[in-house]
Protein backbone atom coordinates (compact mmCIF):
# COMPACT_ATOMS: atom_id res chain seq x y z
CA MET A 1 68.54 -106.15 -44.12
CA VAL A 2 71.33 -104.91 -46.41
CA LEU A 3 70.75 -107.87 -48.74
CA ILE A 4 67.04 -107.01 -49.01
CA ILE A 5 67.86 -103.39 -49.88
CA LEU A 6 70.43 -104.55 -52.46
CA ILE A 7 67.90 -106.92 -54.04
CA LYS A 8 65.32 -104.12 -54.20
CA CYS A 9 67.89 -101.78 -55.81
CA LEU A 10 68.89 -104.43 -58.35
CA SER A 11 65.25 -105.19 -59.05
CA GLY A 12 64.59 -101.50 -59.64
CA TYR A 13 67.65 -101.29 -61.88
CA ALA A 14 66.46 -104.34 -63.85
CA GLU A 15 63.14 -102.57 -64.44
CA ILE A 16 64.95 -99.43 -65.62
CA SER A 17 67.22 -101.55 -67.84
CA PHE A 18 64.18 -103.26 -69.39
CA MET A 19 62.52 -99.88 -69.96
CA ILE A 20 65.65 -98.44 -71.59
CA ILE A 21 66.10 -101.46 -73.87
CA ASN A 22 62.49 -101.31 -75.04
CA ARG A 23 62.66 -97.57 -75.70
CA VAL A 24 65.93 -97.88 -77.62
CA ALA A 25 64.38 -100.66 -79.68
CA SER A 26 61.26 -98.64 -80.44
CA MET A 27 63.42 -95.70 -81.55
CA VAL A 28 65.91 -97.53 -83.78
CA PHE A 29 63.99 -100.42 -85.29
CA ASP A 30 62.07 -98.18 -87.71
CA SER A 31 65.37 -97.00 -89.18
CA PHE A 32 66.13 -100.56 -90.29
CA ALA A 33 62.62 -101.48 -91.46
CA ASN A 34 63.38 -101.47 -95.20
CA THR A 35 66.76 -103.17 -94.96
CA ASP A 36 68.04 -106.71 -94.56
CA ILE A 37 69.93 -105.65 -91.44
CA VAL A 38 68.83 -107.42 -88.27
CA VAL A 39 69.14 -105.45 -85.03
CA ALA A 40 68.70 -106.87 -81.55
CA ILE A 41 68.96 -105.28 -78.13
CA LEU A 42 69.70 -107.69 -75.27
CA ASN A 43 69.74 -107.32 -71.52
CA HIS A 44 72.24 -109.04 -69.22
CA ASN A 45 69.74 -111.78 -68.39
CA GLY A 46 69.58 -112.96 -71.99
CA SER A 47 66.20 -111.49 -72.91
CA TYR A 48 66.10 -109.61 -76.20
CA VAL A 49 64.01 -107.73 -78.70
CA SER A 50 64.74 -107.69 -82.42
CA ASN A 51 63.41 -105.98 -85.52
CA LYS A 52 63.52 -109.34 -87.34
CA LEU A 53 62.96 -111.82 -84.56
CA ASP A 54 62.62 -114.86 -86.83
CA VAL A 55 66.02 -114.28 -88.48
CA PHE A 56 67.73 -113.47 -85.17
CA GLU A 57 66.38 -116.62 -83.53
CA ARG A 58 67.37 -118.75 -86.54
CA ILE A 59 70.96 -117.43 -86.49
CA PHE A 60 71.24 -117.87 -82.73
CA ALA A 61 69.21 -121.10 -82.49
CA GLU A 62 72.14 -122.48 -80.52
CA ARG A 63 71.95 -120.21 -77.48
CA ILE A 64 75.61 -120.88 -76.70
CA LEU A 65 76.60 -118.70 -79.70
CA LEU A 66 74.77 -115.70 -78.28
CA ASP A 67 76.10 -116.33 -74.78
CA GLU A 68 79.65 -116.52 -76.13
CA LEU A 69 79.15 -113.30 -78.09
CA CYS A 70 78.02 -111.48 -74.94
CA ARG A 71 80.85 -112.98 -72.87
CA ARG A 72 83.43 -111.76 -75.38
CA VAL A 73 81.93 -108.25 -75.36
CA ASP A 74 82.04 -108.31 -71.54
CA ASP A 75 85.72 -109.25 -71.81
CA GLY A 76 86.35 -106.05 -73.74
CA GLN A 77 86.31 -107.29 -77.32
CA GLU A 78 84.13 -104.58 -78.77
CA PRO A 79 82.98 -103.91 -81.21
CA LEU A 80 83.00 -107.64 -81.72
CA ILE A 81 82.91 -108.71 -85.35
CA ALA A 82 82.19 -112.30 -86.34
CA HIS A 83 80.80 -114.29 -89.26
CA ILE A 84 77.87 -116.57 -88.50
CA ASP A 85 75.70 -118.37 -91.04
CA GLY A 86 76.16 -115.90 -93.89
CA TYR A 87 75.97 -112.78 -91.71
CA LEU A 88 78.53 -110.34 -90.49
CA VAL A 89 77.71 -110.04 -86.78
CA ALA A 90 78.67 -106.85 -84.97
CA ALA A 91 78.09 -106.51 -81.24
CA SER A 92 78.93 -104.08 -78.48
CA GLY A 93 77.92 -103.26 -74.96
CA LEU A 94 74.89 -101.02 -74.53
CA SER A 95 75.34 -98.48 -71.80
CA ALA A 96 73.25 -95.65 -70.45
CA GLY A 97 75.53 -93.17 -68.77
CA PHE A 98 77.84 -95.24 -66.60
CA ASN A 99 75.45 -98.18 -66.40
CA GLY A 100 75.79 -101.18 -68.67
CA VAL A 101 72.25 -102.18 -69.56
CA GLY A 102 72.93 -104.89 -72.13
CA TYR A 103 74.15 -105.40 -75.67
CA ALA A 104 73.47 -104.13 -79.17
CA VAL A 105 73.82 -106.70 -81.95
CA MET A 106 73.60 -106.14 -85.69
CA LEU A 107 73.46 -108.89 -88.32
CA LEU A 108 74.44 -107.68 -91.77
CA PRO A 109 74.08 -109.96 -94.80
CA ALA A 110 77.66 -110.90 -95.70
CA GLY A 111 77.43 -109.62 -99.28
CA SER A 112 76.02 -106.22 -98.31
CA PHE A 113 79.41 -104.71 -97.49
CA GLY A 114 82.10 -104.93 -100.13
CA ASN A 115 85.16 -104.20 -98.04
CA ILE A 116 84.60 -105.17 -94.41
CA PRO A 117 87.68 -103.42 -92.91
CA GLU A 118 86.61 -100.10 -94.43
CA SER A 119 83.08 -100.57 -93.06
CA LEU A 120 84.12 -101.32 -89.47
CA ASP A 121 84.30 -97.66 -88.47
CA PHE A 122 80.80 -97.08 -89.81
CA ILE A 123 79.45 -100.15 -88.00
CA GLU A 124 81.09 -99.02 -84.75
CA ILE A 125 79.54 -95.56 -85.10
CA ILE A 126 76.07 -97.08 -85.52
CA LEU A 127 76.53 -99.30 -82.45
CA GLU A 128 77.70 -96.29 -80.41
CA GLN A 129 74.53 -94.44 -81.38
CA PHE A 130 72.48 -97.08 -79.56
CA SER A 131 74.33 -96.26 -76.32
CA LEU A 132 73.89 -92.53 -76.90
CA ILE A 133 70.15 -93.03 -77.31
CA ALA A 134 70.07 -95.21 -74.17
CA GLY A 135 71.90 -92.47 -72.24
CA LEU A 136 69.41 -89.84 -73.37
CA ILE A 137 66.51 -92.06 -72.39
CA GLU A 138 68.02 -92.60 -68.94
CA GLN A 139 68.61 -88.85 -68.48
CA ASN A 140 65.06 -88.10 -69.56
CA GLN A 141 63.73 -90.63 -67.05
CA GLN A 142 65.86 -89.14 -64.27
CA LEU A 143 64.59 -85.65 -65.07
CA LYS A 144 61.03 -86.93 -65.09
CA ASP A 145 61.57 -88.65 -61.72
CA TYR A 146 63.20 -85.52 -60.31
CA SER A 147 60.49 -83.17 -61.53
CA GLY A 148 57.85 -85.41 -60.03
CA ALA A 149 59.63 -85.32 -56.68
CA VAL A 150 60.01 -81.55 -56.56
CA LYS A 151 57.23 -79.75 -54.78
CA THR A 152 55.83 -76.94 -56.88
CA ASP A 153 53.44 -75.57 -54.31
CA VAL A 154 55.89 -72.84 -53.23
CA GLU A 155 54.88 -69.56 -54.82
CA LEU A 156 57.76 -67.83 -56.50
CA PRO A 157 58.01 -64.02 -56.27
CA ALA A 158 57.09 -62.09 -59.40
CA PHE A 159 59.86 -60.27 -61.21
CA ALA A 160 59.81 -56.48 -60.96
CA ASN A 161 59.35 -54.59 -64.18
CA VAL A 162 62.95 -54.24 -65.34
CA ASN A 163 63.87 -52.12 -68.36
């Protein structure tokens, strides 16, 4: 019985995670539309969305590279910076509140940043913004769920005319 409840909770969380990832993607991908920067949002099951899917899949054609990237982020190496096939790869965990929902990955053409060490703070700030957006989406969903559960059929007293 407890296992069934746990599976239902995890299934519900997976649906919320999927919803958060898709909403983050829809909010941030437009910001990178006119750039060569590739952005991908991944869940813990390995599914992902990307603004430039063809490039992302070419770079990570060997799935083991992406799995290793995620494993290293899970081990606390974030933001993770690596060089793969002519791209600077930056990755971090994607969290919504206290819940880890997946990963944010950016692929920057290697020549686009002159001095990589000086750019790392900027890259980290961008990756953190993805988690902030995910947290706001989760809070918005919780408020929506809460407001739907609250009964509004109780009539509230009118305020007296106060000067």
